[in-house]
């Protein structure tokens, strides 16, 4: 997923692949840091992010994330807010 601004309007673009594994997934965007961390805490035992985008808005930094089921319980860590010193 990618997010960009063109002529003052924010757009989201993504390339989707066939879900042959049948994994559950979801995509969220326009999340504040606190919202992204809260969702991470709620999902980290069963899902993992496969794409994270951080972008500036007039209301502050926002996050867009794509999550998939983590059936194999792969180990992972998410670091948000690195550019603003939070992570």
Foldseek 3Di string as FASTA:
>chain_A
DDWDDDPRDIDDDDDDDDPPVPWDKDKDWFADPVRVVVVCVVPVQFKDWPDKDWDADPVGIMMITMIITPVVRDDDDDDPPVVVPPD
